[in-house]
PDB file of N, CA and C in Angstrom:
ATOM      1  N   UNK A   1      96.700  73.044  92.737  1.00  0.00           N
ATOM      2  CA  UNK A   1      95.371  73.576  92.578  1.00  0.00           C
ATOM      3  C   UNK A   1      95.458  74.946  91.909  1.00  0.00           C
ATOM      4  N   UNK A   2      94.592  75.186  90.972  1.00  0.00           N
ATOM      5  CA  UNK A   2      94.525  76.461  90.275  1.00  0.00           C
ATOM      6  C   UNK A   2      93.709  77.442  91.118  1.00  0.00           C
ATOM      7  N   UNK A   3      94.318  78.562  91.508  1.00  0.00           N
ATOM      8  CA  UNK A   3      93.613  79.589  92.292  1.00  0.00           C
ATOM      9  C   UNK A   3      93.440  80.812  91.402  1.00  0.00           C
ATOM     10  N   UNK A   4      92.190  81.055  90.998  1.00  0.00           N
ATOM     11  CA  UNK A   4      91.871  82.197  90.141  1.00  0.00           C
ATOM     12  C   UNK A   4      91.303  83.338  90.986  1.00  0.00           C
ATOM     13  N   UNK A   5      91.078  84.475  90.346  1.00  0.00           N
ATOM     14  CA  UNK A   5      90.690  85.711  91.025  1.00  0.00           C
ATOM     15  C   UNK A   5      89.466  85.553  91.918  1.00  0.00           C
ATOM     16  N   UNK A   6      88.376  85.033  91.381  1.00  0.00           N
ATOM     17  CA  UNK A   6      87.135  84.944  92.153  1.00  0.00           C
ATOM     18  C   UNK A   6      87.295  84.051  93.371  1.00  0.00           C
ATOM     19  N   UNK A   7      87.969  82.929  93.210  1.00  0.00           N
ATOM     20  CA  UNK A   7      88.174  82.011  94.334  1.00  0.00           C
ATOM     21  C   UNK A   7      88.979  82.687  95.443  1.00  0.00           C
ATOM     22  N   UNK A   8      90.031  83.413  95.084  1.00  0.00           N
ATOM     23  CA  UNK A   8      90.861  84.088  96.076  1.00  0.00           C
ATOM     24  C   UNK A   8      90.093  85.207  96.766  1.00  0.00           C
ATOM     25  N   UNK A   9      89.393  86.040  95.990  1.00  0.00           N
ATOM     26  CA  UNK A   9      88.617  87.139  96.575  1.00  0.00           C
ATOM     27  C   UNK A   9      87.559  86.629  97.542  1.00  0.00           C
ATOM     28  N   UNK A  10      86.829  85.582  97.134  1.00  0.00           N
ATOM     29  CA  UNK A  10      85.781  85.040  97.999  1.00  0.00           C
ATOM     30  C   UNK A  10      86.365  84.487  99.298  1.00  0.00           C
ATOM     31  N   UNK A  11      87.487  83.795  99.207  1.00  0.00           N
ATOM     32  CA  UNK A  11      88.109  83.212 100.400  1.00  0.00           C
ATOM     33  C   UNK A  11      88.601  84.298 101.354  1.00  0.00           C
ATOM     34  N   UNK A  12      89.187  85.365 100.810  1.00  0.00           N
ATOM     35  CA  UNK A  12      89.667  86.460 101.664  1.00  0.00           C
ATOM     36  C   UNK A  12      88.497  87.224 102.260  1.00  0.00           C
ATOM     37  N   UNK A  13      87.465  87.505 101.446  1.00  0.00           N
ATOM     38  CA  UNK A  13      86.288  88.215 101.968  1.00  0.00           C
ATOM     39  C   UNK A  13      85.588  87.429 103.064  1.00  0.00           C
ATOM     40  N   UNK A  14      85.626  86.117 102.982  1.00  0.00           N
ATOM     41  CA  UNK A  14      85.005  85.282 104.009  1.00  0.00           C
ATOM     42  C   UNK A  14      85.765  85.401 105.340  1.00  0.00           C
ATOM     43  N   UNK A  15      87.085  85.465 105.250  1.00  0.00           N
ATOM     44  CA  UNK A  15      87.913  85.535 106.462  1.00  0.00           C
ATOM     45  C   UNK A  15      88.075  86.966 106.967  1.00  0.00           C
ATOM     46  N   UNK A  16      88.203  87.930 106.043  1.00  0.00           N
ATOM     47  CA  UNK A  16      88.429  89.336 106.424  1.00  0.00           C
ATOM     48  C   UNK A  16      87.658  90.239 105.449  1.00  0.00           C
ATOM     49  N   UNK A  17      86.389  90.505 105.714  1.00  0.00           N
ATOM     50  CA  UNK A  17      85.587  91.346 104.815  1.00  0.00           C
ATOM     51  C   UNK A  17      86.106  92.791 104.756  1.00  0.00           C
ATOM     52  N   UNK A  18      85.789  93.479 103.670  1.00  0.00           N
ATOM     53  CA  UNK A  18      86.093  94.904 103.548  1.00  0.00           C
ATOM     54  C   UNK A  18      87.428  95.232 102.911  1.00  0.00           C
ATOM     55  N   UNK A  19      88.155  94.237 102.419  1.00  0.00           N
ATOM     56  CA  UNK A  19      89.446  94.492 101.779  1.00  0.00           C
ATOM     57  C   UNK A  19      89.218  95.036 100.360  1.00  0.00           C
ATOM     58  N   UNK A  20      90.191  95.791  99.866  1.00  0.00           N
ATOM     59  CA  UNK A  20      90.153  96.307  98.488  1.00  0.00           C
ATOM     60  C   UNK A  20      91.051  95.428  97.629  1.00  0.00           C
ATOM     61  N   UNK A  21      90.584  95.120  96.426  1.00  0.00           N
ATOM     62  CA  UNK A  21      91.306  94.217  95.535  1.00  0.00           C
ATOM     63  C   UNK A  21      91.637  94.881  94.212  1.00  0.00           C
ATOM     64  N   UNK A  22      92.815  94.589  93.716  1.00  0.00           N
ATOM     65  CA  UNK A  22      93.212  94.935  92.355  1.00  0.00           C
ATOM     66  C   UNK A  22      93.916  93.694  91.803  1.00  0.00           C
ATOM     67  N   UNK A  23      93.116  92.723  91.384  1.00  0.00           N
ATOM     68  CA  UNK A  23      93.631  91.427  90.926  1.00  0.00           C
ATOM     69  C   UNK A  23      93.271  91.211  89.465  1.00  0.00           C
ATOM     70  N   UNK A  24      94.094  90.471  88.757  1.00  0.00           N
ATOM     71  CA  UNK A  24      93.772  90.098  87.377  1.00  0.00           C
ATOM     72  C   UNK A  24      94.212  88.658  87.117  1.00  0.00           C
ATOM     73  N   UNK A  25      93.505  88.022  86.176  1.00  0.00           N
ATOM     74  CA  UNK A  25      93.826  86.646  85.809  1.00  0.00           C
ATOM     75  C   UNK A  25      95.138  86.611  85.036  1.00  0.00           C
ATOM     76  N   UNK A  26      95.897  85.552  85.231  1.00  0.00           N
ATOM     77  CA  UNK A  26      97.087  85.293  84.424  1.00  0.00           C
ATOM     78  C   UNK A  26      96.683  84.248  83.390  1.00  0.00           C
ATOM     79  N   UNK A  27      96.758  84.623  82.106  1.00  0.00           N
ATOM     80  CA  UNK A  27      96.440  83.706  81.017  1.00  0.00           C
ATOM     81  C   UNK A  27      97.597  83.684  80.035  1.00  0.00           C
ATOM     82  N   UNK A  28      97.948  82.489  79.578  1.00  0.00           N
ATOM     83  CA  UNK A  28      98.986  82.323  78.572  1.00  0.00           C
ATOM     84  C   UNK A  28      98.377  81.530  77.425  1.00  0.00           C
ATOM     85  N   UNK A  29      98.317  82.158  76.255  1.00  0.00           N
ATOM     86  CA  UNK A  29      97.705  81.534  75.072  1.00  0.00           C
ATOM     87  C   UNK A  29      96.303  81.016  75.372  1.00  0.00           C
ATOM     88  N   UNK A  30      95.537  81.787  76.135  1.00  0.00           N
ATOM     89  CA  UNK A  30      94.163  81.426  76.458  1.00  0.00           C
ATOM     90  C   UNK A  30      94.013  80.464  77.617  1.00  0.00           C
ATOM     91  N   UNK A  31      95.100  79.948  78.143  1.00  0.00           N
ATOM     92  CA  UNK A  31      95.039  79.028  79.278  1.00  0.00           C
ATOM     93  C   UNK A  31      95.186  79.805  80.582  1.00  0.00           C
ATOM     94  N   UNK A  32      94.203  79.648  81.456  1.00  0.00           N
ATOM     95  CA  UNK A  32      94.257  80.333  82.750  1.00  0.00           C
ATOM     96  C   UNK A  32      95.321  79.671  83.614  1.00  0.00           C
ATOM     97  N   UNK A  33      96.187  80.520  84.208  1.00  0.00           N
ATOM     98  CA  UNK A  33      97.310  80.000  85.001  1.00  0.00           C
ATOM     99  C   UNK A  33      97.263  80.424  86.463  1.00  0.00           C
ATOM    100  N   UNK A  34      96.442  81.432  86.798  1.00  0.00           N
ATOM    101  CA  UNK A  34      96.378  81.911  88.172  1.00  0.00           C
ATOM    102  C   UNK A  34      95.919  83.353  88.207  1.00  0.00           C
ATOM    103  N   UNK A  35      96.251  84.040  89.282  1.00  0.00           N
ATOM    104  CA  UNK A  35      95.902  85.452  89.429  1.00  0.00           C
ATOM    105  C   UNK A  35      97.070  86.183  90.081  1.00  0.00           C
ATOM    106  N   UNK A  36      97.154  87.476  89.834  1.00  0.00           N
ATOM    107  CA  UNK A  36      98.159  88.286  90.512  1.00  0.00           C
ATOM    108  C   UNK A  36      97.589  89.672  90.755  1.00  0.00           C
ATOM    109  N   UNK A  37      98.159  90.346  91.738  1.00  0.00           N
ATOM    110  CA  UNK A  37      97.726  91.702  92.031  1.00  0.00           C
ATOM    111  C   UNK A  37      97.859  92.013  93.508  1.00  0.00           C
ATOM    112  N   UNK A  38      97.066  92.991  93.957  1.00  0.00           N
ATOM    113  CA  UNK A  38      97.220  93.533  95.295  1.00  0.00           C
ATOM    114  C   UNK A  38      95.926  93.449  96.077  1.00  0.00           C
ATOM    115  N   UNK A  39      96.095  93.356  97.388  1.00  0.00           N
ATOM    116  CA  UNK A  39      94.982  93.388  98.323  1.00  0.00           C
ATOM    117  C   UNK A  39      95.361  94.417  99.386  1.00  0.00           C
ATOM    118  N   UNK A  40      94.427  95.339  99.667  1.00  0.00           N
ATOM    119  CA  UNK A  40      94.725  96.417 100.611  1.00  0.00           C
ATOM    120  C   UNK A  40      93.695  96.433 101.718  1.00  0.00           C
ATOM    121  N   UNK A  41      94.192  96.636 102.930  1.00  0.00           N
ATOM    122  CA  UNK A  41      93.327  96.826 104.085  1.00  0.00           C
ATOM    123  C   UNK A  41      93.114  98.327 104.240  1.00  0.00           C
ATOM    124  N   UNK A  42      91.908  98.848 103.957  1.00  0.00           N
ATOM    125  CA  UNK A  42      91.685 100.299 104.037  1.00  0.00           C
ATOM    126  C   UNK A  42      91.758 100.852 105.462  1.00  0.00           C
ATOM    127  N   UNK A  43      91.658  99.983 106.462  1.00  0.00           N
ATOM    128  CA  UNK A  43      91.721 100.448 107.855  1.00  0.00           C
ATOM    129  C   UNK A  43      93.122 100.903 108.251  1.00  0.00           C
ATOM    130  N   UNK A  44      94.166 100.222 107.714  1.00  0.00           N
ATOM    131  CA  UNK A  44      95.530 100.576 108.120  1.00  0.00           C
ATOM    132  C   UNK A  44      96.476 100.774 106.931  1.00  0.00           C
ATOM    133  N   UNK A  45      95.945 100.681 105.719  1.00  0.00           N
ATOM    134  CA  UNK A  45      96.700 100.901 104.481  1.00  0.00           C
ATOM    135  C   UNK A  45      97.759  99.828 104.211  1.00  0.00           C
ATOM    136  N   UNK A  46      97.657  98.690 104.862  1.00  0.00           N
ATOM    137  CA  UNK A  46      98.571  97.583 104.610  1.00  0.00           C
ATOM    138  C   UNK A  46      98.251  96.986 103.231  1.00  0.00           C
ATOM    139  N   UNK A  47      99.290  96.722 102.438  1.00  0.00           N
ATOM    140  CA  UNK A  47      99.113  96.192 101.079  1.00  0.00           C
ATOM    141  C   UNK A  47      99.928  94.907 100.927  1.00  0.00           C
ATOM    142  N   UNK A  48      99.305  93.897 100.319  1.00  0.00           N
ATOM    143  CA  UNK A  48      99.966  92.626 100.049  1.00  0.00           C
ATOM    144  C   UNK A  48      99.883  92.352  98.550  1.00  0.00           C
ATOM    145  N   UNK A  49     101.017  91.956  97.956  1.00  0.00           N
ATOM    146  CA  UNK A  49     101.061  91.515  96.565  1.00  0.00           C
ATOM    147  C   UNK A  49     100.978  89.992  96.564  1.00  0.00           C
ATOM    148  N   UNK A  50     100.226  89.428  95.640  1.00  0.00           N
ATOM    149  CA  UNK A  50     100.054  87.977  95.566  1.00  0.00           C
ATOM    150  C   UNK A  50     100.170  87.512  94.123  1.00  0.00           C
ATOM    151  N   UNK A  51     100.717  86.308  93.939  1.00  0.00           N
ATOM    152  CA  UNK A  51     100.784  85.679  92.620  1.00  0.00           C
ATOM    153  C   UNK A  51     100.497  84.196  92.821  1.00  0.00           C
ATOM    154  N   UNK A  52      99.413  83.713  92.193  1.00  0.00           N
ATOM    155  CA  UNK A  52      99.022  82.312  92.365  1.00  0.00           C
ATOM    156  C   UNK A  52      99.316  81.465  91.132  1.00  0.00           C
ATOM    157  N   UNK A  53     100.168  81.977  90.247  1.00  0.00           N
ATOM    158  CA  UNK A  53     100.501  81.151  89.078  1.00  0.00           C
ATOM    159  C   UNK A  53     101.126  79.838  89.538  1.00  0.00           C
ATOM    160  N   UNK A  54     101.806  79.871  90.639  1.00  0.00           N
ATOM    161  CA  UNK A  54     102.324  78.652  91.255  1.00  0.00           C
ATOM    162  C   UNK A  54     103.653  78.214  90.682  1.00  0.00           C
ATOM    163  N   UNK A  55     104.500  77.764  91.551  1.00  0.00           N
ATOM    164  CA  UNK A  55     105.837  77.294  91.187  1.00  0.00           C
ATOM    165  C   UNK A  55     105.983  75.892  91.759  1.00  0.00           C
ATOM    166  N   UNK A  56     106.531  74.992  90.961  1.00  0.00           N
ATOM    167  CA  UNK A  56     106.831  73.638  91.457  1.00  0.00           C
ATOM    168  C   UNK A  56     108.338  73.453  91.420  1.00  0.00           C
ATOM    169  N   UNK A  57     108.894  72.976  92.537  1.00  0.00           N
ATOM    170  CA  UNK A  57     110.328  72.715  92.615  1.00  0.00           C
ATOM    171  C   UNK A  57     110.554  71.253  92.937  1.00  0.00           C
ATOM    172  N   UNK A  58     111.293  70.586  92.113  1.00  0.00           N
ATOM    173  CA  UNK A  58     111.735  69.208  92.386  1.00  0.00           C
ATOM    174  C   UNK A  58     110.640  68.307  92.957  1.00  0.00           C
ATOM    175  N   UNK A  59     109.482  68.318  92.338  1.00  0.00           N
ATOM    176  CA  UNK A  59     108.406  67.442  92.768  1.00  0.00           C
ATOM    177  C   UNK A  59     107.650  67.884  94.000  1.00  0.00           C
ATOM    178  N   UNK A  60     108.011  69.023  94.566  1.00  0.00           N
ATOM    179  CA  UNK A  60     107.286  69.542  95.732  1.00  0.00           C
ATOM    180  C   UNK A  60     105.926  70.066  95.289  1.00  0.00           C
ATOM    181  N   UNK A  61     104.995  70.236  96.232  1.00  0.00           N
ATOM    182  CA  UNK A  61     103.677  70.778  95.867  1.00  0.00           C
ATOM    183  C   UNK A  61     103.803  72.194  95.283  1.00  0.00           C
ATOM    184  N   UNK A  62     102.818  72.557  94.484  1.00  0.00           N
ATOM    185  CA  UNK A  62     102.769  73.908  93.911  1.00  0.00           C
ATOM    186  C   UNK A  62     102.797  74.932  95.034  1.00  0.00           C
ATOM    187  N   UNK A  63     103.538  76.028  94.803  1.00  0.00           N
ATOM    188  CA  UNK A  63     103.649  77.069  95.825  1.00  0.00           C
ATOM    189  C   UNK A  63     103.185  78.404  95.263  1.00  0.00           C
ATOM    190  N   UNK A  64     102.471  79.154  96.109  1.00  0.00           N
ATOM    191  CA  UNK A  64     101.924  80.459  95.749  1.00  0.00           C
ATOM    192  C   UNK A  64     102.646  81.521  96.566  1.00  0.00           C
ATOM    193  N   UNK A  65     103.013  82.635  95.918  1.00  0.00           N
ATOM    194  CA  UNK A  65     103.827  83.665  96.540  1.00  0.00           C
ATOM    195  C   UNK A  65     102.966  84.847  96.979  1.00  0.00           C
ATOM    196  N   UNK A  66     103.297  85.418  98.150  1.00  0.00           N
ATOM    197  CA  UNK A  66     102.691  86.666  98.612  1.00  0.00           C
ATOM    198  C   UNK A  66     103.726  87.403  99.442  1.00  0.00           C
ATOM    199  N   UNK A  67     103.596  88.732  99.514  1.00  0.00           N
ATOM    200  CA  UNK A  67     104.526  89.550 100.302  1.00  0.00           C
ATOM    201  C   UNK A  67     103.936  90.941 100.498  1.00  0.00           C
ATOM    202  N   UNK A  68     104.509  91.678 101.437  1.00  0.00           N
ATOM    203  CA  UNK A  68     104.124  93.075 101.597  1.00  0.00           C
ATOM    204  C   UNK A  68     104.469  93.846 100.325  1.00  0.00           C
ATOM    205  N   UNK A  69     103.757  94.954 100.101  1.00  0.00           N
ATOM    206  CA  UNK A  69     104.047  95.857  98.994  1.00  0.00           C
ATOM    207  C   UNK A  69     103.916  97.288  99.512  1.00  0.00           C
ATOM    208  N   UNK A  70     104.622  98.207  98.870  1.00  0.00           N
ATOM    209  CA  UNK A  70     104.559  99.610  99.284  1.00  0.00           C
ATOM    210  C   UNK A  70     103.219 100.248  98.944  1.00  0.00           C
ATOM    211  N   UNK A  71     102.633  99.848  97.815  1.00  0.00           N
ATOM    212  CA  UNK A  71     101.361 100.402  97.371  1.00  0.00           C
ATOM    213  C   UNK A  71     100.733  99.437  96.374  1.00  0.00           C
ATOM    214  N   UNK A  72      99.630  99.841  95.771  1.00  0.00           N
ATOM    215  CA  UNK A  72      98.875  98.968  94.867  1.00  0.00           C
ATOM    216  C   UNK A  72      99.481  98.903  93.464  1.00  0.00           C
ATOM    217  N   UNK A  73     100.700  99.389  93.292  1.00  0.00           N
ATOM    218  CA  UNK A  73     101.390  99.289  92.011  1.00  0.00           C
ATOM    219  C   UNK A  73     102.772  98.650  92.157  1.00  0.00           C
ATOM    220  N   UNK A  74     103.144  98.332  93.369  1.00  0.00           N
ATOM    221  CA  UNK A  74     104.482  97.813  93.669  1.00  0.00           C
ATOM    222  C   UNK A  74     104.578  96.327  93.324  1.00  0.00           C
ATOM    223  N   UNK A  75     105.161  96.007  92.171  1.00  0.00           N
ATOM    224  CA  UNK A  75     105.325  94.607  91.766  1.00  0.00           C
ATOM    225  C   UNK A  75     106.664  94.051  92.215  1.00  0.00           C
ATOM    226  N   UNK A  76     107.601  94.899  92.584  1.00  0.00           N
ATOM    227  CA  UNK A  76     108.952  94.442  92.908  1.00  0.00           C
ATOM    228  C   UNK A  76     109.116  94.104  94.379  1.00  0.00           C
ATOM    229  N   UNK A  77     108.494  94.877  95.249  1.00  0.00           N
ATOM    230  CA  UNK A  77     108.609  94.618  96.679  1.00  0.00           C
ATOM    231  C   UNK A  77     110.056  94.557  97.132  1.00  0.00           C
ATOM    232  N   UNK A  78     110.873  95.470  96.610  1.00  0.00           N
ATOM    233  CA  UNK A  78     112.307  95.435  96.903  1.00  0.00           C
ATOM    234  C   UNK A  78     112.572  95.278  98.388  1.00  0.00           C
ATOM    235  N   UNK A  79     113.209  94.197  98.746  1.00  0.00           N
ATOM    236  CA  UNK A  79     113.628  93.971 100.108  1.00  0.00           C
ATOM    237  C   UNK A  79     112.615  93.270 100.992  1.00  0.00           C
ATOM    238  N   UNK A  80     111.357  93.219 100.577  1.00  0.00           N
ATOM    239  CA  UNK A  80     110.373  92.512 101.399  1.00  0.00           C
ATOM    240  C   UNK A  80     110.510  91.014 101.169  1.00  0.00           C
ATOM    241  N   UNK A  81     110.281  90.256 102.206  1.00  0.00           N
ATOM    242  CA  UNK A  81     110.442  88.808 102.136  1.00  0.00           C
ATOM    243  C   UNK A  81     109.300  88.168 101.349  1.00  0.00           C
ATOM    244  N   UNK A  82     109.640  87.321 100.386  1.00  0.00           N
ATOM    245  CA  UNK A  82     108.629  86.506  99.729  1.00  0.00           C
ATOM    246  C   UNK A  82     108.180  85.445 100.720  1.00  0.00           C
ATOM    247  N   UNK A  83     106.893  85.219 100.743  1.00  0.00           N
ATOM    248  CA  UNK A  83     106.333  84.169 101.591  1.00  0.00           C
ATOM    249  C   UNK A  83     105.630  83.181 100.666  1.00  0.00           C
ATOM    250  N   UNK A  84     105.556  81.929 101.076  1.00  0.00           N
ATOM    251  CA  UNK A  84     105.044  80.881 100.207  1.00  0.00           C
ATOM    252  C   UNK A  84     103.958  80.087 100.905  1.00  0.00           C
ATOM    253  N   UNK A  85     102.945  79.677 100.133  1.00  0.00           N
ATOM    254  CA  UNK A  85     101.863  78.838 100.634  1.00  0.00           C
ATOM    255  C   UNK A  85     101.643  77.690  99.651  1.00  0.00           C
ATOM    256  N   UNK A  86     101.159  76.563 100.148  1.00  0.00           N
ATOM    257  CA  UNK A  86     100.936  75.404  99.276  1.00  0.00           C
ATOM    258  C   UNK A  86      99.462  75.061  99.120  1.00  0.00           C
ATOM    259  N   UNK A  87      98.572  75.851  99.740  1.00  0.00           N
ATOM    260  CA  UNK A  87      97.138  75.610  99.601  1.00  0.00           C
ATOM    261  C   UNK A  87      96.407  76.945  99.678  1.00  0.00           C
ATOM    262  N   UNK A  88      95.154  76.942  99.253  1.00  0.00           N
ATOM    263  CA  UNK A  88      94.331  78.155  99.336  1.00  0.00           C
ATOM    264  C   UNK A  88      94.179  78.588 100.791  1.00  0.00           C
ATOM    265  N   UNK A  89      93.919  77.653 101.682  1.00  0.00           N
ATOM    266  CA  UNK A  89      93.749  77.987 103.088  1.00  0.00           C
ATOM    267  C   UNK A  89      95.012  78.625 103.675  1.00  0.00           C
ATOM    268  N   UNK A  90      96.160  78.046 103.385  1.00  0.00           N
ATOM    269  CA  UNK A  90      97.429  78.588 103.886  1.00  0.00           C
ATOM    270  C   UNK A  90      97.701  79.971 103.295  1.00  0.00           C
ATOM    271  N   UNK A  91      97.371  80.152 102.012  1.00  0.00           N
ATOM    272  CA  UNK A  91      97.566  81.442 101.353  1.00  0.00           C
ATOM    273  C   UNK A  91      96.679  82.510 101.984  1.00  0.00           C
ATOM    274  N   UNK A  92      95.412  82.215 102.157  1.00  0.00           N
ATOM    275  CA  UNK A  92      94.469  83.182 102.735  1.00  0.00           C
ATOM    276  C   UNK A  92      94.864  83.519 104.172  1.00  0.00           C
ATOM    277  N   UNK A  93      95.252  82.518 104.959  1.00  0.00           N
ATOM    278  CA  UNK A  93      95.690  82.790 106.334  1.00  0.00           C
ATOM    279  C   UNK A  93      96.914  83.694 106.354  1.00  0.00           C
ATOM    280  N   UNK A  94      97.882  83.445 105.464  1.00  0.00           N
ATOM    281  CA  UNK A  94      99.084  84.267 105.412  1.00  0.00           C
ATOM    282  C   UNK A  94      98.795  85.690 104.973  1.00  0.00           C
ATOM    283  N   UNK A  95      97.964  85.843 103.951  1.00  0.00           N
ATOM    284  CA  UNK A  95      97.624  87.181 103.453  1.00  0.00           C
ATOM    285  C   UNK A  95      96.875  87.978 104.518  1.00  0.00           C
ATOM    286  N   UNK A  96      95.871  87.371 105.131  1.00  0.00           N
ATOM    287  CA  UNK A  96      95.087  88.114 106.132  1.00  0.00           C
ATOM    288  C   UNK A  96      95.927  88.458 107.357  1.00  0.00           C
ATOM    289  N   UNK A  97      96.894  87.621 107.681  1.00  0.00           N
ATOM    290  CA  UNK A  97      97.796  87.948 108.790  1.00  0.00           C
ATOM    291  C   UNK A  97      98.633  89.184 108.460  1.00  0.00           C
ATOM    292  N   UNK A  98      99.154  89.264 107.227  1.00  0.00           N
ATOM    293  CA  UNK A  98      99.937  90.441 106.834  1.00  0.00           C
ATOM    294  C   UNK A  98      99.072  91.699 106.790  1.00  0.00           C
ATOM    295  N   UNK A  99      97.805  91.536 106.424  1.00  0.00           N
ATOM    296  CA  UNK A  99      96.916  92.696 106.314  1.00  0.00           C
ATOM    297  C   UNK A  99      96.527  93.280 107.670  1.00  0.00           C
ATOM    298  N   UNK A 100      96.797  92.571 108.748  1.00  0.00           N
ATOM    299  CA  UNK A 100      96.465  93.085 110.081  1.00  0.00           C
ATOM    300  C   UNK A 100      97.320  94.280 110.472  1.00  0.00           C
ATOM    301  N   UNK A 101      98.570  94.303 109.987  1.00  0.00           N
ATOM    302  CA  UNK A 101      99.506  95.353 110.374  1.00  0.00           C
ATOM    303  C   UNK A 101     100.214  95.911 109.152  1.00  0.00           C
ATOM    304  N   UNK A 102     100.402  97.230 109.084  1.00  0.00           N
ATOM    305  CA  UNK A 102     101.207  97.790 107.999  1.00  0.00           C
ATOM    306  C   UNK A 102     102.659  97.354 108.156  1.00  0.00           C
ATOM    307  N   UNK A 103     103.361  97.298 107.049  1.00  0.00           N
ATOM    308  CA  UNK A 103     104.738  96.818 107.044  1.00  0.00           C
ATOM    309  C   UNK A 103     105.618  97.623 108.002  1.00  0.00           C
ATOM    310  N   UNK A 104     105.336  98.897 108.172  1.00  0.00           N
ATOM    311  CA  UNK A 104     106.161  99.738 109.062  1.00  0.00           C
ATOM    312  C   UNK A 104     106.062  99.280 110.522  1.00  0.00           C
ATOM    313  N   UNK A 105     104.971  98.649 110.907  1.00  0.00           N
ATOM    314  CA  UNK A 105     104.805  98.214 112.290  1.00  0.00           C
ATOM    315  C   UNK A 105     105.442  96.861 112.566  1.00  0.00           C
ATOM    316  N   UNK A 106     105.579  96.035 111.550  1.00  0.00           N
ATOM    317  CA  UNK A 106     106.131  94.692 111.787  1.00  0.00           C
ATOM    318  C   UNK A 106     107.601  94.624 111.414  1.00  0.00           C
ATOM    319  N   UNK A 107     108.107  95.698 110.835  1.00  0.00           N
ATOM    320  CA  UNK A 107     109.518  95.783 110.477  1.00  0.00           C
ATOM    321  C   UNK A 107     109.966  94.627 109.599  1.00  0.00           C
ATOM    322  N   UNK A 108     109.157  94.329 108.548  1.00  0.00           N
ATOM    323  CA  UNK A 108     109.570  93.336 107.557  1.00  0.00           C
ATOM    324  C   UNK A 108     110.867  93.856 106.940  1.00  0.00           C
ATOM    325  N   UNK A 109     111.923  93.122 107.041  1.00  0.00           N
ATOM    326  CA  UNK A 109     113.262  93.592 106.661  1.00  0.00           C
ATOM    327  C   UNK A 109     113.339  93.997 105.198  1.00  0.00           C
ATOM    328  N   UNK A 110     113.882  95.152 104.968  1.00  0.00           N
ATOM    329  CA  UNK A 110     114.228  95.560 103.610  1.00  0.00           C
ATOM    330  C   UNK A 110     115.724  95.370 103.463  1.00  0.00           C
ATOM    331  N   UNK A 111     116.099  94.722 102.409  1.00  0.00           N
ATOM    332  CA  UNK A 111     117.509  94.395 102.200  1.00  0.00           C
ATOM    333  C   UNK A 111     118.233  95.584 101.567  1.00  0.00           C
TER     334      UNK A 111
END
């Protein structure tokens, strides 16, 4: 399933209103491929990076990546664990769960 910016923002706002977004569409030669960027919880400053371009491995369902980020410009997330979802619902649940606590409180391992 193709998850673009508006669909992701609406789904997150429905589950957890008040988040800040810095998302942009991923387009290759005019073809929309997904969205990437950051979502921040202003209450606790927790930031999550997300990329919905999707990856398929050996016939498995498309997977969407999300992880903690240091700030709204951190694309590398050095040491933070990549997390994967196979549906919009699973992605939104995972993102909103990470947004509940800043990375310093959950001790997401940095390698």
